[in-house]
Amino acid sequence: MHKLRSRKIDLTPWLQWLVPLALALLFLVFVFSFYPFREKLQYDTDEGLNVMSSMLVAKGYPLYSQVSRDQPPLFTHLLSTVFRVAGFSVNAARFLVLLFSTLLVWSCIQFLQLSWGTLPAILFAFLAVMIPRFLELSVSVMIGVPSIALGALVLLFVTLWHQKRHNLWLVLSGLALAASIMIKLFTGFLAPIILAGITMEAWFQNKQGTFSWKAILKPAVIWSLSFTILVVAIVLGLVGLQNLGNLVNAHLLAPSDPSFASQTFAINTHLEQAIPLLVLGVFGAVFVILRQRWLALYPLAWAVLAYGLLNLYSPAFYHHQLLVTIPAAILAAIGLSEGMRSITRIRLLSDLG
């Protein structure tokens, strides 16, 4: 007789993906069910501009030549496709943005799950809804959240490359950032962060064997090629070289407009309500350095560089604060989880003593 041997099934790899997915779906259901976006006429004038542009494109009017626009084309074309399928409905457009917001939440939770553990991943789901105006922007027909969502996906893909060392994740990361800036240009500063991170990883790995510049630069070349190819394809196919000025000129001229000179348009003004979150983020950054968990330097570099650039640029609008508060919430989840663990350990030691 053959002995039946019980085999233990390791559920850990499944839980690493199922927990973030479940939390993201809970966020989607919560916002869709309880946030009153279906009764709201308009959250921002940008909603009207985005909806009207996409409606005209859906009706066959070419973007930039007949439809004036100072933003990249990807979201407009995506929303016009939704309009062709679902009809001209503001709620359909808002649901599309909610899907992007859910992607953002999932990407951040999954990043934390892979880089730090389950507790901070769960905590981020609660911290995300506390980010000032995040829920409102999650259902507004505006392009900031979709662009940042793809930026968060970039972090997840590059983290998977660090852990699995498969070039596919580099390609997907480059494509995700290309799509992000083709929705809104303001996530472009992530490119040097990613290139620095993957090059440093290749440098330290290569120092363990025979030194080779080719091996060190290969990841950056793969990432850059995938990023550049998609950007060029979208520019040539959806923008046109003759219309590139539309995407740049208005933003370059904005800082010289006297109407944007007041403190209302300073990033510090928009971050005032997020001070508790930012303080927690600082604690998280300290734990990242003390624990030497270097993958979490990505959101730290994101938050610091975004804040520095927004301090140098005016006008900063309320949706720009997400460039700082989203990575800060990732760090805050780390700081809060480590603080909870430290308190638990202190209590256990005091009980034993």
Protein backbone atom coordinates (compact mmCIF):
# COMPACT_ATOMS: atom_id res chain seq x y z
CA MET A 1 0.00 0.00 0.00
CA HIS A 2 1.15 3.45 -0.81
CA LYS A 3 1.29 5.86 2.04
CA LEU A 4 -0.63 9.01 1.51
CA ARG A 5 1.56 11.87 2.47
CA SER A 6 -0.05 15.10 3.43
CA ARG A 7 1.45 18.01 1.61
CA LYS A 8 1.59 21.40 3.23
CA ILE A 9 0.39 24.18 0.98
CA ASP A 10 2.24 27.45 1.44
CA LEU A 11 -0.35 30.19 1.14
CA THR A 12 2.09 33.03 1.76
CA PRO A 13 2.73 33.90 -1.92
CA TRP A 14 -1.03 33.96 -2.56
CA LEU A 15 -1.73 36.11 0.48
CA GLN A 16 0.93 38.62 -0.66
CA TRP A 17 -1.30 39.36 -3.64
CA LEU A 18 -4.77 38.59 -2.29
CA VAL A 19 -4.58 40.92 0.73
CA PRO A 20 -3.73 44.04 -1.35
CA LEU A 21 -6.35 43.13 -3.93
CA ALA A 22 -9.03 42.66 -1.26
CA LEU A 23 -8.16 45.99 0.38
CA ALA A 24 -8.23 47.82 -2.96
CA LEU A 25 -11.63 46.32 -3.81
CA LEU A 26 -12.93 47.36 -0.38
CA PHE A 27 -11.78 50.91 -1.14
CA LEU A 28 -13.58 50.80 -4.51
CA VAL A 29 -16.81 49.51 -2.97
CA PHE A 30 -16.63 51.99 -0.10
CA VAL A 31 -16.16 55.05 -2.32
CA PHE A 32 -18.67 53.90 -4.93
CA SER A 33 -21.31 53.07 -2.34
CA PHE A 34 -20.95 55.87 0.18
CA TYR A 35 -19.20 58.86 -1.40
CA PRO A 36 -21.89 61.13 -2.91
CA PHE A 37 -20.28 61.78 -6.29
CA ARG A 38 -23.40 60.91 -8.29
CA GLU A 39 -25.29 63.91 -6.88
CA LYS A 40 -22.48 66.44 -7.39
CA LEU A 41 -22.84 68.78 -10.36
CA GLN A 42 -19.17 69.78 -10.59
CA TYR A 43 -16.13 69.41 -8.33
CA ASP A 44 -13.81 71.63 -10.36
CA THR A 45 -13.89 73.61 -13.60
CA ASP A 46 -11.26 71.18 -14.92
CA GLU A 47 -13.98 68.53 -14.88
CA GLY A 48 -15.95 70.46 -17.46
CA LEU A 49 -12.90 71.01 -19.64
CA ASN A 50 -11.90 67.33 -19.54
CA VAL A 51 -15.44 66.11 -20.23
CA MET A 52 -16.05 68.54 -23.09
CA SER A 53 -12.70 67.76 -24.74
CA SER A 54 -13.34 64.02 -24.58
CA MET A 55 -16.90 64.41 -25.86
CA LEU A 56 -15.66 66.34 -28.89
CA VAL A 57 -12.96 63.74 -29.58
CA ALA A 58 -15.59 60.99 -29.24
CA LYS A 59 -17.65 62.79 -31.88
CA GLY A 60 -14.73 62.76 -34.29
CA TYR A 61 -13.10 66.16 -33.78
CA PRO A 62 -9.28 65.79 -33.79
CA LEU A 63 -7.47 66.74 -30.61
CA TYR A 64 -5.19 69.81 -30.71
CA SER A 65 -6.06 70.82 -34.30
CA GLN A 66 -9.79 71.36 -33.64
CA VAL A 67 -10.03 70.71 -29.90
CA SER A 68 -7.83 73.04 -27.85
CA ARG A 69 -5.89 71.29 -25.08
CA ASP A 70 -2.77 72.06 -23.02
CA GLN A 71 -2.46 68.56 -21.53
CA PRO A 72 -1.11 65.26 -22.97
CA PRO A 73 -3.62 63.18 -24.94
CA LEU A 74 -3.89 59.79 -23.24
CA PHE A 75 -6.65 60.48 -20.71
CA THR A 76 -8.72 62.44 -23.26
CA HIS A 77 -8.63 59.54 -25.71
CA LEU A 78 -9.30 56.98 -23.00
CA LEU A 79 -12.29 58.95 -21.72
CA SER A 80 -13.59 59.45 -25.27
CA THR A 81 -13.52 55.66 -25.67
CA VAL A 82 -15.56 55.31 -22.47
CA PHE A 83 -18.07 57.82 -23.84
CA ARG A 84 -18.41 55.85 -27.08
CA VAL A 85 -19.20 52.71 -25.08
CA ALA A 86 -21.23 54.06 -22.15
CA GLY A 87 -22.68 57.24 -23.62
CA PHE A 88 -22.07 60.82 -22.57
CA SER A 89 -22.34 60.47 -18.81
CA VAL A 90 -20.36 62.38 -16.19
CA ASN A 91 -20.79 59.48 -13.78
CA ALA A 92 -19.16 57.10 -16.26
CA ALA A 93 -16.22 59.50 -16.46
CA ARG A 94 -16.02 59.73 -12.66
CA PHE A 95 -16.13 55.96 -12.35
CA LEU A 96 -13.17 55.75 -14.74
CA VAL A 97 -11.18 58.04 -12.42
CA LEU A 98 -12.30 55.93 -9.44
CA LEU A 99 -10.84 52.87 -11.16
CA PHE A 100 -7.54 54.72 -11.51
CA SER A 101 -7.72 55.70 -7.84
CA THR A 102 -8.29 52.06 -6.93
CA LEU A 103 -5.24 51.15 -9.01
CA LEU A 104 -3.27 53.76 -7.07
CA VAL A 105 -4.38 52.33 -3.71
CA TRP A 106 -3.67 48.76 -4.83
CA SER A 107 -0.21 49.65 -6.18
CA CYS A 108 0.82 51.37 -2.94
CA ILE A 109 -0.56 48.55 -0.78
CA GLN A 110 1.14 45.92 -2.94
CA PHE A 111 4.41 47.86 -2.82
CA LEU A 112 4.25 47.93 0.98
CA GLN A 113 3.28 44.25 1.14
CA LEU A 114 6.32 43.25 -0.91
CA SER A 115 8.82 45.69 0.58
CA TRP A 116 7.80 45.87 4.25
CA GLY A 117 4.98 43.50 5.21
CA THR A 118 1.25 43.07 5.73
CA LEU A 119 0.68 45.49 8.64
CA PRO A 120 1.84 48.67 6.87
CA ALA A 121 -0.03 47.54 3.75
CA ILE A 122 -3.26 47.37 5.76
CA LEU A 123 -2.55 50.67 7.50
CA PHE A 124 -2.05 52.45 4.18
CA ALA A 125 -5.62 51.57 3.17
CA PHE A 126 -6.87 53.58 6.17
CA LEU A 127 -4.36 56.40 5.80
CA ALA A 128 -5.20 56.87 2.12
CA VAL A 129 -8.78 57.95 2.82
CA MET A 130 -7.43 60.52 5.31
CA ILE A 131 -5.24 62.27 2.73
CA PRO A 132 -6.72 65.75 2.27
CA ARG A 133 -9.16 65.82 -0.66
CA PHE A 134 -8.09 62.37 -1.86
CA LEU A 135 -11.63 60.99 -1.92
CA GLU A 136 -12.89 64.04 -3.79
CA LEU A 137 -10.09 63.77 -6.35
CA SER A 138 -10.74 60.03 -6.65
CA VAL A 139 -14.12 60.74 -8.24
CA SER A 140 -13.39 64.03 -10.04
CA VAL A 141 -12.89 63.98 -13.80
CA MET A 142 -9.36 65.32 -13.47
CA ILE A 143 -6.08 63.90 -14.69
CA GLY A 144 -3.94 64.13 -11.55
CA VAL A 145 -5.05 60.89 -9.88
CA PRO A 146 -4.81 58.78 -13.10
CA SER A 147 -1.28 60.05 -13.71
CA ILE A 148 -0.16 59.43 -10.10
CA ALA A 149 -1.81 55.98 -10.15
CA LEU A 150 0.44 54.94 -13.02
CA GLY A 151 3.36 56.52 -11.17
CA ALA A 152 2.61 54.26 -8.18
CA LEU A 153 2.47 51.32 -10.59
CA VAL A 154 5.98 52.27 -11.70
CA LEU A 155 7.22 51.82 -8.11
CA LEU A 156 5.54 48.43 -7.86
CA PHE A 157 7.04 47.16 -11.12
CA VAL A 158 10.55 48.36 -10.27
CA THR A 159 10.23 46.72 -6.83
CA LEU A 160 9.35 43.44 -8.53
CA TRP A 161 12.45 43.84 -10.70
CA HIS A 162 14.62 44.32 -7.60
CA GLN A 163 13.17 41.15 -6.08
CA LYS A 164 12.89 38.89 -9.14
CA ARG A 165 15.53 40.40 -11.45
CA HIS A 166 13.47 39.78 -14.60
CA ASN A 167 13.76 42.40 -17.34
CA LEU A 168 10.01 42.24 -18.01
CA TRP A 169 9.43 44.32 -14.86
CA LEU A 170 11.84 46.97 -16.13
CA VAL A 171 9.95 47.17 -19.41
CA LEU A 172 6.58 47.42 -17.66
CA SER A 173 7.93 50.09 -15.31
CA GLY A 174 9.18 52.19 -18.22
CA LEU A 175 5.89 51.80 -20.09
CA ALA A 176 3.89 52.74 -16.99
CA LEU A 177 5.80 56.00 -16.49
CA ALA A 178 5.50 56.83 -20.18
CA ALA A 179 1.72 56.38 -19.94
CA SER A 180 1.70 58.43 -16.72
CA ILE A 181 3.36 61.49 -18.26
CA MET A 182 1.21 61.14 -21.37
CA ILE A 183 -1.74 61.75 -19.03
CA LYS A 184 -0.08 64.59 -17.11
CA LEU A 185 3.52 65.70 -17.36
CA PHE A 186 4.03 66.32 -13.65
CA THR A 187 5.19 62.77 -12.84
CA GLY A 188 8.21 63.08 -15.14
CA PHE A 189 10.52 63.70 -12.16
CA LEU A 190 10.14 60.00 -11.27
CA ALA A 191 12.37 59.05 -14.21
CA PRO A 192 15.71 60.05 -12.60
CA ILE A 193 14.65 58.41 -9.33
CA ILE A 194 13.98 55.08 -11.05
CA LEU A 195 17.12 55.28 -13.18
CA ALA A 196 19.25 56.04 -10.12
CA GLY A 197 17.69 53.18 -8.15
CA ILE A 198 18.12 50.47 -10.78
CA THR A 199 21.64 51.64 -11.69
CA MET A 200 22.75 51.57 -8.05
CA GLU A 201 21.29 48.07 -7.69
CA ALA A 202 23.22 46.91 -10.78
CA TRP A 203 26.37 48.60 -9.45
CA PHE A 204 26.29 46.84 -6.08
CA GLN A 205 25.39 43.49 -7.64
CA ASN A 206 28.20 43.82 -10.19
CA LYS A 207 30.82 44.65 -7.53
CA GLN A 208 30.39 41.10 -6.25
CA GLY A 209 31.78 39.71 -9.51
CA THR A 210 33.73 40.88 -12.54
CA PHE A 211 33.27 44.63 -13.03
CA SER A 212 31.43 45.52 -16.23
CA TRP A 213 29.94 48.85 -17.30
CA LYS A 214 27.72 46.95 -19.72
CA ALA A 215 26.14 44.99 -16.87
CA ILE A 216 25.75 48.13 -14.75
CA LEU A 217 24.07 50.20 -17.45
CA LYS A 218 21.96 47.44 -19.01
CA PRO A 219 18.92 47.83 -16.67
CA ALA A 220 18.86 51.61 -17.22
CA VAL A 221 19.08 51.13 -21.00
CA ILE A 222 16.21 48.62 -21.02
CA TRP A 223 14.06 50.90 -18.87
CA SER A 224 14.90 54.00 -20.91
CA LEU A 225 14.18 52.31 -24.23
CA SER A 226 10.75 51.06 -23.16
CA PHE A 227 9.91 54.49 -21.73
CA THR A 228 11.16 56.40 -24.78
CA ILE A 229 9.51 54.14 -27.37
CA LEU A 230 6.05 54.56 -25.87
CA VAL A 231 6.45 58.32 -25.37
CA VAL A 232 7.58 58.79 -28.98
CA ALA A 233 4.78 56.57 -30.28
CA ILE A 234 2.11 58.54 -28.40
CA VAL A 235 3.60 61.91 -29.37
CA LEU A 236 3.75 60.97 -33.05
CA GLY A 237 0.42 59.15 -33.10
CA LEU A 238 -1.79 61.27 -30.84
CA VAL A 239 -0.10 64.66 -30.47
CA GLY A 240 1.95 65.49 -33.56
CA LEU A 241 5.24 67.36 -33.49
CA GLN A 242 3.51 70.57 -34.57
CA ASN A 243 1.34 70.50 -31.42
CA LEU A 244 4.08 69.89 -28.84
CA GLY A 245 4.13 73.59 -27.98
CA ASN A 246 0.55 73.29 -26.69
CA LEU A 247 1.76 70.91 -23.97
CA VAL A 248 4.64 73.08 -22.79
CA ASN A 249 4.08 76.79 -23.41
CA ALA A 250 1.11 77.34 -21.10
CA HIS A 251 2.94 75.72 -18.17
CA LEU A 252 6.14 77.66 -18.81
CA LEU A 253 4.26 80.96 -18.91
CA ALA A 254 2.13 80.28 -15.80
CA PRO A 255 4.81 81.28 -13.21
CA SER A 256 5.03 84.75 -14.74
CA ASP A 257 1.28 85.37 -14.42
CA PRO A 258 0.73 87.94 -11.60
CA SER A 259 -2.60 86.32 -10.66
CA PHE A 260 -0.69 83.25 -9.41
CA ALA A 261 1.69 85.20 -7.17
CA SER A 262 -0.25 84.87 -3.88
CA GLN A 263 0.33 82.32 -1.11
CA THR A 264 -2.88 80.59 -2.22
CA PHE A 265 -0.83 78.99 -4.99
CA ALA A 266 2.08 77.86 -2.79
CA ILE A 267 2.46 74.15 -2.09
CA ASN A 268 2.91 74.74 1.66
CA THR A 269 -0.61 76.18 1.82
CA HIS A 270 -2.08 73.02 0.32
CA LEU A 271 -0.06 70.80 2.66
CA GLU A 272 -1.22 72.44 5.92
CA GLN A 273 -4.04 69.94 6.44
CA ALA A 274 -1.64 67.05 5.83
CA ILE A 275 0.86 67.97 8.58
CA PRO A 276 -0.01 64.98 10.86
CA LEU A 277 0.44 62.63 7.90
CA LEU A 278 3.74 64.27 6.98
CA VAL A 279 5.02 63.94 10.56
CA LEU A 280 4.21 60.23 10.50
CA GLY A 281 5.98 60.07 7.15
CA VAL A 282 9.13 61.52 8.72
CA PHE A 283 9.04 58.79 11.37
CA GLY A 284 8.63 56.25 8.60
CA ALA A 285 11.66 57.66 6.78
CA VAL A 286 13.73 57.30 9.98
CA PHE A 287 12.72 53.63 10.28
CA VAL A 288 13.57 53.05 6.60
CA ILE A 289 17.12 54.28 7.22
CA LEU A 290 17.52 52.51 10.58
CA ARG A 291 16.22 49.19 9.22
CA GLN A 292 18.18 49.63 5.97
CA ARG A 293 15.16 48.61 3.89
CA TRP A 294 16.37 50.39 0.79
CA LEU A 295 13.39 49.73 -1.48
CA ALA A 296 11.40 52.15 0.67
CA LEU A 297 13.81 54.87 -0.38
CA TYR A 298 11.79 55.12 -3.60
CA PRO A 299 8.74 56.75 -1.99
CA LEU A 300 11.06 58.84 0.21
CA ALA A 301 12.90 60.18 -2.84
CA TRP A 302 9.53 60.72 -4.56
CA ALA A 303 8.15 62.81 -1.69
CA VAL A 304 11.31 64.87 -1.15
CA LEU A 305 11.91 65.62 -4.83
CA ALA A 306 8.24 66.43 -5.47
CA TYR A 307 8.17 68.85 -2.54
CA GLY A 308 11.39 70.51 -3.65
CA LEU A 309 10.19 70.99 -7.23
CA LEU A 310 6.76 72.26 -6.19
CA ASN A 311 8.46 74.79 -3.91
CA LEU A 312 10.31 76.11 -6.93
CA TYR A 313 7.25 76.24 -9.18
CA SER A 314 4.16 78.40 -9.06
CA PRO A 315 1.24 78.01 -9.30
CA ALA A 316 0.73 74.90 -7.17
CA PHE A 317 -2.89 73.78 -7.08
CA TYR A 318 -4.62 71.64 -4.48
CA HIS A 319 -4.34 68.46 -6.55
CA HIS A 320 -0.55 68.90 -6.74
CA GLN A 321 -0.28 68.07 -3.03
CA LEU A 322 -0.98 64.40 -3.88
CA LEU A 323 2.51 64.25 -5.38
CA VAL A 324 3.80 64.70 -1.82
CA THR A 325 1.05 63.18 0.32
CA ILE A 326 0.73 59.84 -1.54
CA PRO A 327 4.39 58.79 -0.99
CA ALA A 328 4.22 60.40 2.47
CA ALA A 329 1.26 58.12 3.29
CA ILE A 330 3.38 55.11 2.26
CA LEU A 331 6.11 56.23 4.67
CA ALA A 332 3.50 57.05 7.33
CA ALA A 333 2.16 53.49 7.12
CA ILE A 334 5.70 52.23 7.72
CA GLY A 335 6.24 54.61 10.63
CA LEU A 336 2.89 53.74 12.23
CA SER A 337 3.42 49.99 11.86
CA GLU A 338 6.92 50.15 13.32
CA GLY A 339 5.67 52.32 16.17
CA MET A 340 2.92 49.80 16.96
CA ARG A 341 5.43 46.95 16.90
CA SER A 342 7.81 48.84 19.19
CA ILE A 343 5.01 49.51 21.70
CA THR A 344 4.02 45.84 21.59
CA ARG A 345 7.60 44.73 22.24
CA ILE A 346 7.98 47.18 25.14
CA ARG A 347 4.78 45.86 26.73
CA LEU A 348 5.92 42.27 26.34
CA LEU A 349 9.25 43.06 27.93
CA SER A 350 7.59 44.90 30.81
CA ASP A 351 5.22 41.93 31.37
CA LEU A 352 8.14 39.52 31.38
CA GLY A 353 10.05 41.79 33.76
